[in-house]
Amino acid sequence: MAALKREKPDLQKKVHEVPHRPGVYLMRDRFNRVIYVGKARDLRKRVSSYFLPSKMAQADLKTRAMLDATWDFETHTVRSEAESVLLEGKLIKEYRPRYNVSFRDDKRFLLVGVDLSEEWPRFRLARFKKDDGSRYFGPYAHAGALRQTLNFMRKKFGLLTFGRGAPTERELKSSTYQVPVRLSEISAAEYRERVAQACEFLEGKSREMIAALEEQMQKAAEKMEFEKAAELRDMIEDLRDTTKPTRRFTRGSLPSTIDPIADVRELADALRLPHLPRIMECFDISNISATHVVASMVCFRDGVPDKDNYRRYRVRTVEGQDDFASMAEVVRRRYSRILLEARETNQDRAEFSQEETVEGLQRLEKQTLNAQLPTSNAQLEARKFPAPVRLPDLIIVDGGKGQLSAACGELQRLGLHELSIIGLAKEREEIYRPSRALSLRLPMDSGALRLLQRIRDEAHRFANAYHQLLMKKRVEESILDDCPGVSQHRKNLLLRRFGSVNRLRKASVEEIAATEGIGRKLAEEVHRFLQRH
């Protein structure tokens, strides 16, 4: 209770330690969770503004709520305002703070890619760095400046941008490409020399070129050609923004306390695990309503999300809101499926979906529950099972003793009692372990706890997103309840065939009538109804 009763610290004193430099700041609540990430050209001015009484009085409801929940903050300096934008985006994606909106989706900064294996390489904008052999530059915080820079490069070096393949007739004759001659007058090899020069330019070797433009700007100003001088000034600023060397912030190199591998090692020490928990799987139940009780399983590999191995479940064998029984079901389904895959890998490679795990578990129990199935990663590797057949090094369940006990019971039934498992209770961030009466409390500033919080929060987000998706789908499907002649059985037939109301709305009368149990007359009625609604 001491942690709950402690007084809120006076953060105005801490503000005087913040430097007048660009960077990012993180607001933390009393449980040390990041609730807001922001950027600033001047950190001292920006952070101090939050704690001025006059500013507090004028703040909107969201800002007041955030400041009421803020018990601490931390700052990280960078070299430029552009770097602060990049770092802010990385941290928001990492922590997903509750009071941030920007960057929480899948938006990414722009890159410039060029495939040097092409005969006539083109410079193209991209948001993802693909493993396609192309050379990439960036990311760039200022999209407008980057586009202007590409326009300048196209004219200065005579480059092809966007599209693919050899230059078209229009591109060969275009007046844009006149440096020093048109593309139609040079060979592919000569063009590639221009590409190499442009790559050096994007790498930041642009001092001479910018100096020449500054000289042109001065001459234009002396001649009182102010419009031309202003255009050159804007072009110089865009080129400097784009070609200025900028650090690429990744999870492992952020100038903050985030160090995934170090956090993994610290967690292994704190829990006294026999091995590093390189693969961790976390379960969360979302029972916002009894209509759809769903669960999520997120996987972290080496301390960072492994989204290819995320799973989501609809709880089917539990009536009402029973977190313990729901946790037992999804843990049973997850690991009975892994064990069955391991057993069948060297047999018929039979596949079954997560929706069939009840039947799968029955098959597992009937076959050889006691001895034939592998129960550890060492046994899996010894039998040379492929990489997808992999048990986690640590299982985390969102909840306290009840959820942990339910999950442990299912692991015992499956013979997986050797797997490491913990429960993480949200209110006081207490860690529960099997056969331990007392919970474990880690320091709020420990990397191990922050890693567990990131995993737990990601599982919670993923479960809630699935719940919202199902609720939205249910609302969309409910429109068929008002369609004359469509019973619940016929509604199920239509949705099973077309997948969604949206696809059904796009179908023709003939396609609808082809559904088993739906005649021509009813198909016409359904078609008319959906067009009107």
Protein backbone atom coordinates (compact mmCIF):
# COMPACT_ATOMS: atom_id res chain seq x y z
CA MET A 1 0.00 0.00 0.00
CA ALA A 2 3.00 2.31 0.46
CA ALA A 3 3.36 2.75 -3.29
CA LEU A 4 -0.27 3.82 -3.56
CA LYS A 5 -0.06 6.31 -0.67
CA ARG A 6 3.16 8.06 -1.62
CA GLU A 7 2.86 11.74 -2.42
CA LYS A 8 3.06 13.04 -5.94
CA PRO A 9 6.53 14.53 -6.54
CA ASP A 10 7.04 18.20 -7.36
CA LEU A 11 8.16 18.09 -10.98
CA GLN A 12 8.73 21.86 -11.28
CA LYS A 13 12.10 21.42 -9.54
CA LYS A 14 13.13 18.74 -12.04
CA VAL A 15 12.31 21.04 -14.98
CA HIS A 16 15.35 23.23 -14.18
CA GLU A 17 17.61 20.28 -15.00
CA VAL A 18 16.24 19.95 -18.55
CA PRO A 19 18.61 21.37 -21.24
CA HIS A 20 17.69 23.94 -23.90
CA ARG A 21 18.17 21.42 -26.70
CA PRO A 22 15.97 19.56 -29.21
CA GLY A 23 14.74 16.13 -28.18
CA VAL A 24 11.83 14.09 -26.91
CA TYR A 25 10.16 13.82 -23.51
CA LEU A 26 8.22 10.93 -21.95
CA MET A 27 5.52 11.42 -19.30
CA ARG A 28 5.11 8.52 -16.85
CA ASP A 29 2.32 7.63 -14.43
CA ARG A 30 2.67 6.42 -10.82
CA PHE A 31 3.35 2.88 -12.06
CA ASN A 32 6.16 4.24 -14.26
CA ARG A 33 4.22 3.47 -17.45
CA VAL A 34 4.73 5.83 -20.38
CA ILE A 35 1.47 7.72 -20.97
CA TYR A 36 2.65 10.42 -23.39
CA VAL A 37 5.58 11.03 -25.76
CA GLY A 38 6.28 14.45 -27.24
CA LYS A 39 9.00 16.26 -29.19
CA ALA A 40 10.39 19.75 -28.83
CA ARG A 41 12.83 22.12 -30.47
CA ASP A 42 13.68 23.38 -26.97
CA LEU A 43 13.05 20.74 -24.29
CA ARG A 44 13.30 23.13 -21.33
CA LYS A 45 10.72 25.55 -22.74
CA ARG A 46 8.34 22.81 -23.84
CA VAL A 47 8.40 20.70 -20.67
CA SER A 48 8.30 23.67 -18.30
CA SER A 49 5.18 24.99 -20.07
CA TYR A 50 3.23 21.99 -18.78
CA PHE A 51 3.81 22.95 -15.16
CA LEU A 52 3.10 26.70 -15.26
CA PRO A 53 -0.08 27.54 -13.28
CA SER A 54 -1.30 29.87 -16.04
CA LYS A 55 -0.90 27.13 -18.67
CA MET A 56 -2.60 24.56 -16.46
CA ALA A 57 -5.64 26.83 -16.12
CA GLN A 58 -5.94 27.16 -19.92
CA ALA A 59 -5.23 23.49 -20.77
CA ASP A 60 -7.88 21.36 -22.42
CA LEU A 61 -9.45 18.34 -20.69
CA LYS A 62 -7.09 15.82 -22.30
CA THR A 63 -3.96 17.73 -21.24
CA ARG A 64 -5.29 18.19 -17.71
CA ALA A 65 -6.05 14.48 -17.42
CA MET A 66 -2.55 13.63 -18.66
CA LEU A 67 -0.89 16.02 -16.18
CA ASP A 68 -3.01 14.69 -13.32
CA ALA A 69 -1.75 11.20 -14.16
CA THR A 70 1.89 12.29 -14.62
CA TRP A 71 4.18 11.42 -11.71
CA ASP A 72 7.50 11.68 -13.52
CA PHE A 73 9.06 12.52 -16.85
CA GLU A 74 12.31 11.87 -18.68
CA THR A 75 13.98 13.65 -21.59
CA HIS A 76 16.37 12.55 -24.33
CA THR A 77 18.32 15.04 -26.44
CA VAL A 78 19.03 14.65 -30.15
CA ARG A 79 21.07 16.59 -32.67
CA SER A 80 18.28 18.24 -34.68
CA GLU A 81 14.57 18.86 -34.82
CA ALA A 82 14.26 16.29 -37.64
CA GLU A 83 15.80 13.63 -35.40
CA SER A 84 13.31 14.49 -32.65
CA VAL A 85 10.45 13.79 -35.08
CA LEU A 86 11.93 10.40 -36.00
CA LEU A 87 12.60 9.44 -32.39
CA GLU A 88 9.13 10.55 -31.27
CA GLY A 89 7.55 8.26 -33.87
CA LYS A 90 9.72 5.30 -32.84
CA LEU A 91 8.92 5.73 -29.15
CA ILE A 92 5.18 6.09 -29.70
CA LYS A 93 5.15 2.89 -31.73
CA GLU A 94 7.21 1.21 -29.00
CA TYR A 95 5.17 2.31 -25.97
CA ARG A 96 1.73 3.07 -27.52
CA PRO A 97 1.00 5.73 -24.85
CA ARG A 98 -2.65 6.28 -23.95
CA TYR A 99 -2.55 10.06 -24.53
CA ASN A 100 -0.89 9.91 -27.96
CA VAL A 101 -2.78 9.66 -31.23
CA SER A 102 -0.16 10.34 -33.92
CA PHE A 103 2.10 7.48 -35.06
CA ARG A 104 0.05 4.79 -33.24
CA ASP A 105 -1.07 3.34 -36.58
CA ASP A 106 1.19 1.87 -39.24
CA LYS A 107 2.25 5.17 -40.81
CA ARG A 108 5.97 5.38 -41.51
CA PHE A 109 8.43 8.01 -42.64
CA LEU A 110 9.45 8.19 -46.27
CA LEU A 111 12.53 6.51 -47.71
CA VAL A 112 14.17 6.84 -51.11
CA GLY A 113 15.01 3.59 -52.85
CA VAL A 114 16.98 2.89 -56.00
CA ASP A 115 17.46 -0.56 -57.55
CA LEU A 116 20.98 -0.49 -58.97
CA SER A 117 20.45 -3.84 -60.70
CA GLU A 118 18.11 -2.17 -63.21
CA GLU A 119 19.59 -1.00 -66.52
CA TRP A 120 18.09 2.46 -65.98
CA PRO A 121 17.76 2.78 -62.17
CA ARG A 122 14.98 5.02 -60.89
CA PHE A 123 14.69 6.84 -57.59
CA ARG A 124 11.37 5.98 -55.90
CA LEU A 125 9.69 6.90 -52.63
CA ALA A 126 8.93 4.06 -50.22
CA ARG A 127 7.65 3.61 -46.68
CA PHE A 128 9.12 0.16 -46.06
CA LYS A 129 12.68 -1.02 -46.49
CA LYS A 130 12.33 -4.29 -48.38
CA ASP A 131 14.92 -7.01 -48.76
CA ASP A 132 14.90 -6.65 -52.55
CA GLY A 133 18.49 -5.68 -53.23
CA SER A 134 17.66 -1.96 -53.59
CA ARG A 135 19.68 0.75 -51.93
CA TYR A 136 17.68 2.88 -49.49
CA PHE A 137 18.25 6.38 -48.11
CA GLY A 138 16.47 7.87 -45.10
CA PRO A 139 14.10 7.83 -43.33
CA TYR A 140 13.22 11.50 -43.85
CA ALA A 141 11.15 13.46 -41.34
CA HIS A 142 10.12 16.21 -43.80
CA ALA A 143 8.15 14.70 -46.67
CA GLY A 144 7.71 18.05 -48.46
CA ALA A 145 11.42 18.80 -48.38
CA LEU A 146 12.17 15.31 -49.67
CA ARG A 147 9.82 15.67 -52.65
CA GLN A 148 11.38 19.03 -53.55
CA THR A 149 14.82 17.47 -53.28
CA LEU A 150 13.82 14.69 -55.68
CA ASN A 151 12.59 17.33 -58.13
CA PHE A 152 15.93 19.11 -57.85
CA MET A 153 17.84 15.85 -58.36
CA ARG A 154 15.78 14.99 -61.42
CA LYS A 155 16.70 18.30 -63.03
CA LYS A 156 20.27 18.54 -61.76
CA PHE A 157 21.39 15.00 -62.53
CA GLY A 158 18.87 14.10 -65.22
CA LEU A 159 17.43 11.19 -63.26
CA LEU A 160 14.39 9.02 -63.68
CA THR A 161 11.97 9.04 -60.76
CA PHE A 162 9.00 6.78 -60.04
CA GLY A 163 7.82 4.04 -62.41
CA ARG A 164 9.96 1.15 -63.58
CA GLY A 165 11.99 -0.01 -66.54
CA ALA A 166 13.72 1.83 -69.37
CA PRO A 167 12.78 5.48 -70.06
CA THR A 168 9.62 6.06 -72.07
CA GLU A 169 9.50 8.12 -75.25
CA ARG A 170 8.23 11.09 -73.26
CA GLU A 171 11.01 10.78 -70.69
CA LEU A 172 13.66 10.54 -73.43
CA LYS A 173 12.47 13.77 -75.04
CA SER A 174 11.43 15.67 -71.90
CA SER A 175 13.04 19.07 -71.42
CA THR A 176 13.44 18.25 -67.72
CA TYR A 177 16.35 15.94 -68.46
CA GLN A 178 19.00 18.32 -69.85
CA VAL A 179 22.08 17.78 -67.70
CA PRO A 180 24.04 18.32 -69.79
CA VAL A 181 22.16 16.48 -72.58
CA ARG A 182 18.85 14.63 -72.87
CA LEU A 183 18.51 10.98 -71.94
CA SER A 184 17.99 10.14 -75.60
CA GLU A 185 21.55 11.29 -76.28
CA ILE A 186 23.36 9.20 -73.64
CA SER A 187 23.89 5.49 -73.00
CA ALA A 188 22.69 3.47 -70.01
CA ALA A 189 26.27 3.35 -68.68
CA GLU A 190 26.56 7.15 -68.76
CA TYR A 191 23.19 7.40 -67.03
CA ARG A 192 24.40 5.11 -64.26
CA GLU A 193 27.29 7.53 -63.58
CA ARG A 194 24.66 10.18 -62.88
CA VAL A 195 22.92 7.76 -60.51
CA ALA A 196 26.17 7.25 -58.60
CA GLN A 197 26.60 11.04 -58.24
CA ALA A 198 23.00 11.35 -57.01
CA CYS A 199 23.60 8.62 -54.41
CA GLU A 200 26.61 10.53 -53.10
CA PHE A 201 24.43 13.63 -52.95
CA LEU A 202 21.82 11.85 -50.82
CA GLU A 203 24.59 10.57 -48.55
CA GLY A 204 25.30 14.19 -47.62
CA LYS A 205 28.15 14.98 -50.03
CA SER A 206 26.34 18.11 -51.20
CA ARG A 207 28.42 20.97 -49.78
CA GLU A 208 29.74 22.21 -53.12
CA MET A 209 26.33 22.05 -54.77
CA ILE A 210 24.64 23.96 -51.95
CA ALA A 211 27.45 26.53 -51.99
CA ALA A 212 26.87 27.09 -55.73
CA LEU A 213 23.15 27.60 -55.11
CA GLU A 214 23.89 30.09 -52.31
CA GLU A 215 26.10 32.02 -54.73
CA GLN A 216 23.26 32.08 -57.28
CA MET A 217 20.88 33.30 -54.55
CA GLN A 218 23.22 36.17 -53.62
CA LYS A 219 23.57 37.23 -57.27
CA ALA A 220 19.79 37.14 -57.74
CA ALA A 221 19.33 39.32 -54.66
CA GLU A 222 21.94 41.81 -55.88
CA LYS A 223 20.04 42.07 -59.17
CA MET A 224 16.84 42.64 -57.15
CA GLU A 225 15.38 39.38 -58.53
CA PHE A 226 13.82 38.68 -55.17
CA GLU A 227 11.37 36.02 -56.30
CA LYS A 228 14.16 33.94 -57.81
CA ALA A 229 16.30 34.49 -54.71
CA ALA A 230 13.44 33.32 -52.47
CA GLU A 231 12.96 30.18 -54.58
CA LEU A 232 16.67 29.40 -54.32
CA ARG A 233 16.60 30.04 -50.57
CA ASP A 234 13.69 27.57 -50.12
CA MET A 235 15.46 25.02 -52.32
CA ILE A 236 18.64 25.31 -50.23
CA GLU A 237 16.68 24.78 -47.00
CA ASP A 238 14.96 21.71 -48.46
CA LEU A 239 18.27 20.27 -49.64
CA ARG A 240 19.84 20.83 -46.22
CA ASP A 241 16.90 19.19 -44.45
CA THR A 242 17.09 16.15 -46.74
CA THR A 243 20.85 15.64 -46.98
CA LYS A 244 21.72 16.42 -43.35
CA PRO A 245 23.09 13.24 -41.75
CA THR A 246 20.38 11.80 -39.48
CA ARG A 247 20.61 8.89 -37.08
CA ARG A 248 18.40 5.91 -37.79
CA PHE A 249 16.71 5.12 -34.54
CA THR A 250 16.01 1.44 -33.97
CA ARG A 251 14.79 -0.33 -30.88
CA GLY A 252 18.28 -1.42 -30.02
CA SER A 253 19.89 2.00 -30.45
CA LEU A 254 17.37 4.44 -29.01
CA PRO A 255 18.95 7.09 -26.78
CA SER A 256 16.65 5.99 -23.96
CA THR A 257 16.27 3.22 -21.42
CA ILE A 258 14.93 0.84 -24.09
CA ASP A 259 17.48 -1.93 -24.64
CA PRO A 260 15.54 -5.12 -25.47
CA ILE A 261 18.37 -7.61 -25.04
CA ALA A 262 19.51 -6.04 -21.77
CA ASP A 263 15.90 -6.12 -20.54
CA VAL A 264 15.63 -9.80 -21.45
CA ARG A 265 18.79 -10.60 -19.48
CA GLU A 266 17.56 -8.59 -16.50
CA LEU A 267 14.22 -10.42 -16.60
CA ALA A 268 15.97 -13.80 -16.64
CA ASP A 269 17.98 -12.80 -13.55
CA ALA A 270 14.94 -11.39 -11.74
CA LEU A 271 12.88 -14.53 -12.31
CA ARG A 272 15.89 -16.85 -11.92
CA LEU A 273 15.11 -18.57 -15.19
CA PRO A 274 17.36 -21.41 -16.37
CA HIS A 275 17.73 -19.83 -19.81
CA LEU A 276 17.27 -16.43 -21.43
CA PRO A 277 13.56 -16.00 -22.35
CA ARG A 278 14.30 -15.27 -25.99
CA ILE A 279 10.76 -16.28 -26.99
CA MET A 280 7.95 -15.05 -24.75
CA GLU A 281 4.22 -15.51 -25.29
CA CYS A 282 1.65 -13.44 -23.41
CA PHE A 283 -2.11 -14.11 -23.11
CA ASP A 284 -4.83 -11.56 -22.42
CA ILE A 285 -8.62 -11.98 -22.15
CA SER A 286 -10.97 -9.24 -23.40
CA ASN A 287 -14.49 -9.65 -22.02
CA ILE A 288 -15.82 -6.13 -22.44
CA SER A 289 -19.20 -7.72 -23.12
CA ALA A 290 -20.58 -11.23 -22.83
CA THR A 291 -21.45 -11.14 -26.54
CA HIS A 292 -17.88 -11.71 -27.64
CA VAL A 293 -15.29 -12.98 -25.18
CA VAL A 294 -11.98 -12.98 -27.04
CA ALA A 295 -8.34 -13.53 -26.22
CA SER A 296 -4.98 -12.63 -27.69
CA MET A 297 -1.56 -14.22 -27.69
CA VAL A 298 1.36 -11.98 -28.61
CA CYS A 299 4.91 -13.20 -29.11
CA PHE A 300 8.10 -11.28 -28.34
CA ARG A 301 11.40 -12.51 -29.71
CA ASP A 302 14.60 -11.15 -28.18
CA GLY A 303 12.58 -8.44 -26.43
CA VAL A 304 10.75 -7.06 -29.50
CA PRO A 305 7.36 -7.96 -31.03
CA ASP A 306 7.26 -10.90 -33.44
CA LYS A 307 3.97 -10.01 -35.10
CA ASP A 308 4.02 -12.95 -37.51
CA ASN A 309 3.37 -15.20 -34.52
CA TYR A 310 0.51 -13.24 -32.94
CA ARG A 311 -2.72 -15.24 -32.49
CA ARG A 312 -6.28 -14.30 -31.57
CA TYR A 313 -9.08 -16.47 -30.26
CA ARG A 314 -12.82 -16.44 -29.76
CA VAL A 315 -13.62 -18.13 -26.47
CA ARG A 316 -16.24 -20.80 -27.29
CA THR A 317 -16.53 -23.23 -24.38
CA VAL A 318 -17.12 -20.67 -21.62
CA GLU A 319 -20.46 -19.10 -20.84
CA GLY A 320 -20.53 -15.60 -19.40
CA GLN A 321 -17.54 -13.62 -18.19
CA ASP A 322 -15.20 -16.09 -16.54
CA ASP A 323 -11.59 -14.97 -16.92
CA PHE A 324 -10.16 -18.09 -15.30
CA ALA A 325 -12.01 -20.57 -17.52
CA SER A 326 -11.34 -18.41 -20.61
CA MET A 327 -7.61 -18.33 -19.85
CA ALA A 328 -7.61 -22.11 -19.43
CA GLU A 329 -9.31 -22.59 -22.81
CA VAL A 330 -6.93 -20.42 -24.85
CA VAL A 331 -3.80 -21.86 -23.17
CA ARG A 332 -5.11 -25.38 -23.85
CA ARG A 333 -5.86 -24.52 -27.47
CA ARG A 334 -2.51 -22.84 -28.08
CA TYR A 335 -0.23 -25.56 -26.75
CA SER A 336 -2.29 -28.61 -27.69
CA ARG A 337 -2.05 -27.29 -31.23
CA ILE A 338 1.74 -26.95 -31.02
CA LEU A 339 2.09 -30.47 -29.63
CA LEU A 340 -0.15 -31.96 -32.28
CA GLU A 341 1.79 -30.15 -35.01
CA ALA A 342 4.99 -31.61 -33.59
CA ARG A 343 3.50 -35.11 -33.60
CA GLU A 344 2.07 -34.89 -37.09
CA THR A 345 5.02 -33.13 -38.74
CA ASN A 346 6.71 -36.43 -39.56
CA GLN A 347 3.44 -38.15 -40.39
CA ASP A 348 0.78 -36.78 -42.67
CA ARG A 349 1.46 -33.04 -42.09
CA ALA A 350 -2.23 -32.72 -41.19
CA GLU A 351 -3.30 -29.19 -40.36
CA PHE A 352 -6.15 -28.07 -38.17
CA SER A 353 -7.31 -24.57 -37.27
CA GLN A 354 -7.49 -22.98 -33.86
CA GLU A 355 -11.26 -23.28 -34.07
CA GLU A 356 -10.88 -27.10 -34.00
CA THR A 357 -8.70 -27.35 -30.92
CA VAL A 358 -11.35 -29.03 -28.78
CA GLU A 359 -11.31 -31.92 -31.22
CA GLY A 360 -7.53 -31.64 -31.37
CA LEU A 361 -7.20 -31.98 -27.63
CA GLN A 362 -9.43 -35.06 -27.64
CA ARG A 363 -7.17 -36.59 -30.30
CA LEU A 364 -4.16 -35.67 -28.20
CA GLU A 365 -5.59 -37.36 -25.11
CA LYS A 366 -6.57 -40.51 -27.05
CA GLN A 367 -3.18 -40.84 -28.72
CA THR A 368 -0.33 -40.70 -26.19
CA LEU A 369 -0.72 -37.99 -23.64
CA ASN A 370 1.82 -39.48 -21.27
CA ALA A 371 5.00 -40.26 -23.17
CA GLN A 372 5.09 -39.92 -26.93
CA LEU A 373 4.85 -36.17 -27.36
CA PRO A 374 7.83 -33.80 -26.85
CA THR A 375 7.48 -31.54 -23.80
CA SER A 376 10.45 -29.21 -24.15
CA ASN A 377 12.33 -27.28 -26.83
CA ALA A 378 15.32 -29.58 -26.34
CA GLN A 379 13.18 -32.59 -27.26
CA LEU A 380 11.74 -30.74 -30.24
CA GLU A 381 15.21 -29.88 -31.53
CA ALA A 382 16.47 -33.43 -30.88
CA ARG A 383 13.68 -34.81 -33.07
CA LYS A 384 14.52 -32.22 -35.77
CA PHE A 385 11.12 -30.57 -35.93
CA PRO A 386 10.93 -27.49 -38.17
CA ALA A 387 11.21 -23.95 -36.73
CA PRO A 388 7.44 -23.23 -36.50
CA VAL A 389 7.10 -26.07 -33.98
CA ARG A 390 8.51 -24.14 -31.06
CA LEU A 391 7.54 -23.80 -27.40
CA PRO A 392 8.14 -20.46 -25.64
CA ASP A 393 10.87 -19.90 -23.08
CA LEU A 394 8.44 -17.94 -20.89
CA ILE A 395 4.63 -17.72 -20.76
CA ILE A 396 3.02 -14.60 -19.33
CA VAL A 397 -0.67 -14.43 -18.41
CA ASP A 398 -2.34 -11.10 -17.80
CA GLY A 399 -3.74 -11.47 -14.27
CA GLY A 400 -3.04 -12.72 -10.80
CA LYS A 401 -3.18 -16.04 -8.98
CA GLY A 402 -6.48 -17.17 -10.51
CA GLN A 403 -5.43 -16.77 -14.14
CA LEU A 404 -2.01 -18.25 -13.42
CA SER A 405 -3.53 -21.28 -11.69
CA ALA A 406 -5.92 -21.90 -14.60
CA ALA A 407 -3.07 -21.74 -17.13
CA CYS A 408 -0.81 -23.99 -15.02
CA GLY A 409 -3.56 -26.60 -14.79
CA GLU A 410 -3.77 -26.86 -18.57
CA LEU A 411 0.01 -27.06 -18.95
CA GLN A 412 0.07 -29.88 -16.43
CA ARG A 413 -2.56 -31.78 -18.43
CA LEU A 414 -0.46 -31.41 -21.56
CA GLY A 415 2.73 -32.53 -19.83
CA LEU A 416 4.29 -29.08 -20.21
CA HIS A 417 4.94 -28.55 -16.50
CA GLU A 418 8.59 -27.68 -17.21
CA LEU A 419 7.69 -24.50 -19.11
CA SER A 420 8.36 -21.26 -17.22
CA ILE A 421 5.19 -19.26 -16.59
CA ILE A 422 4.24 -16.15 -14.61
CA GLY A 423 1.17 -14.01 -13.98
CA LEU A 424 1.38 -10.20 -14.13
CA ALA A 425 -1.29 -8.44 -12.03
CA LYS A 426 -2.05 -5.01 -13.45
CA GLU A 427 -2.95 -2.96 -10.35
CA ARG A 428 0.39 -3.09 -8.53
CA GLU A 429 2.45 -4.80 -11.24
CA GLU A 430 2.90 -7.85 -9.02
CA ILE A 431 4.46 -10.97 -10.56
CA TYR A 432 3.02 -14.33 -9.47
CA ARG A 433 4.93 -17.60 -9.94
CA PRO A 434 3.78 -21.20 -9.51
CA SER A 435 4.35 -22.70 -6.05
CA ARG A 436 5.34 -19.29 -4.63
CA ALA A 437 3.03 -17.85 -1.98
CA LEU A 438 4.40 -14.31 -2.17
CA SER A 439 4.32 -12.12 -5.27
CA LEU A 440 7.45 -10.51 -6.71
CA ARG A 441 7.66 -6.73 -7.01
CA LEU A 442 10.32 -5.37 -9.35
CA PRO A 443 11.56 -1.75 -9.14
CA MET A 444 9.46 0.57 -11.27
CA ASP A 445 12.53 1.73 -13.18
CA SER A 446 13.80 -1.78 -13.94
CA GLY A 447 14.18 -2.81 -17.56
CA ALA A 448 12.73 -6.23 -16.75
CA LEU A 449 9.44 -4.73 -15.53
CA ARG A 450 9.23 -2.35 -18.46
CA LEU A 451 9.68 -5.27 -20.83
CA LEU A 452 6.84 -7.16 -19.13
CA GLN A 453 4.67 -4.04 -19.30
CA ARG A 454 5.32 -3.65 -23.02
CA ILE A 455 4.39 -7.28 -23.67
CA ARG A 456 1.28 -7.11 -21.48
CA ASP A 457 0.12 -3.80 -23.00
CA GLU A 458 0.64 -5.17 -26.52
CA ALA A 459 -1.45 -8.27 -25.69
CA HIS A 460 -4.16 -6.02 -24.26
CA ARG A 461 -4.16 -3.82 -27.37
CA PHE A 462 -4.31 -6.81 -29.70
CA ALA A 463 -7.19 -8.42 -27.78
CA ASN A 464 -9.20 -5.18 -27.68
CA ALA A 465 -8.64 -4.59 -31.39
CA TYR A 466 -10.05 -8.06 -32.15
CA HIS A 467 -12.99 -7.44 -29.84
CA GLN A 468 -13.79 -4.15 -31.59
CA LEU A 469 -13.52 -5.86 -34.97
CA LEU A 470 -16.05 -8.52 -33.96
CA MET A 471 -18.42 -5.93 -32.50
CA LYS A 472 -18.24 -3.89 -35.69
CA LYS A 473 -18.88 -7.01 -37.76
CA ARG A 474 -21.84 -7.88 -35.54
CA VAL A 475 -23.33 -4.42 -36.03
CA GLU A 476 -22.92 -4.73 -39.79
CA GLU A 477 -24.48 -8.21 -39.83
CA SER A 478 -27.46 -7.12 -37.73
CA ILE A 479 -28.91 -5.27 -40.72
CA LEU A 480 -29.97 -8.65 -42.15
CA ASP A 481 -32.20 -9.16 -39.09
CA ASP A 482 -34.56 -6.53 -40.52
CA CYS A 483 -34.66 -8.05 -44.00
CA PRO A 484 -38.06 -9.74 -44.67
CA GLY A 485 -37.85 -13.49 -45.16
CA VAL A 486 -34.30 -13.87 -43.79
CA SER A 487 -34.28 -16.15 -40.76
CA GLN A 488 -31.26 -16.71 -38.54
CA HIS A 489 -30.50 -19.92 -40.46
CA ARG A 490 -30.64 -18.16 -43.84
CA LYS A 491 -28.58 -15.29 -42.47
CA ASN A 492 -25.88 -17.77 -41.46
CA LEU A 493 -25.99 -19.38 -44.91
CA LEU A 494 -25.52 -16.04 -46.65
CA LEU A 495 -22.71 -14.90 -44.36
CA ARG A 496 -20.95 -18.26 -44.66
CA ARG A 497 -21.02 -17.98 -48.47
CA PHE A 498 -20.12 -14.28 -48.88
CA GLY A 499 -18.14 -13.66 -45.71
CA SER A 500 -19.59 -10.23 -44.91
CA VAL A 501 -22.59 -7.99 -45.51
CA ASN A 502 -20.41 -5.69 -47.60
CA ARG A 503 -19.58 -8.50 -50.06
CA LEU A 504 -23.19 -9.63 -50.06
CA ARG A 505 -24.27 -6.08 -50.95
CA LYS A 506 -21.98 -6.17 -54.02
CA ALA A 507 -23.29 -9.56 -55.21
CA SER A 508 -25.80 -9.91 -58.05
CA VAL A 509 -29.25 -11.50 -57.66
CA GLU A 510 -27.99 -14.59 -59.51
CA GLU A 511 -25.02 -14.98 -57.13
CA ILE A 512 -27.28 -14.64 -54.09
CA ALA A 513 -29.79 -17.11 -55.51
CA ALA A 514 -27.00 -19.65 -56.02
CA THR A 515 -26.70 -19.94 -52.22
CA GLU A 516 -28.13 -23.17 -50.87
CA GLY A 517 -31.52 -22.54 -49.24
CA ILE A 518 -32.00 -19.13 -50.93
CA GLY A 519 -34.46 -19.03 -53.84
CA ARG A 520 -34.70 -16.50 -56.65
CA LYS A 521 -37.55 -14.55 -55.05
CA LEU A 522 -35.78 -14.20 -51.71
CA ALA A 523 -32.54 -13.30 -53.48
CA GLU A 524 -34.30 -10.42 -55.22
CA GLU A 525 -35.73 -9.27 -51.89
CA VAL A 526 -32.33 -9.39 -50.20
CA HIS A 527 -30.71 -7.52 -53.09
CA ARG A 528 -33.35 -4.76 -53.03
CA PHE A 529 -33.16 -4.47 -49.24
CA LEU A 530 -29.38 -4.08 -49.16
CA GLN A 531 -29.39 -1.52 -51.96
CA ARG A 532 -31.88 0.59 -50.00
CA HIS A 533 -30.07 0.20 -46.68
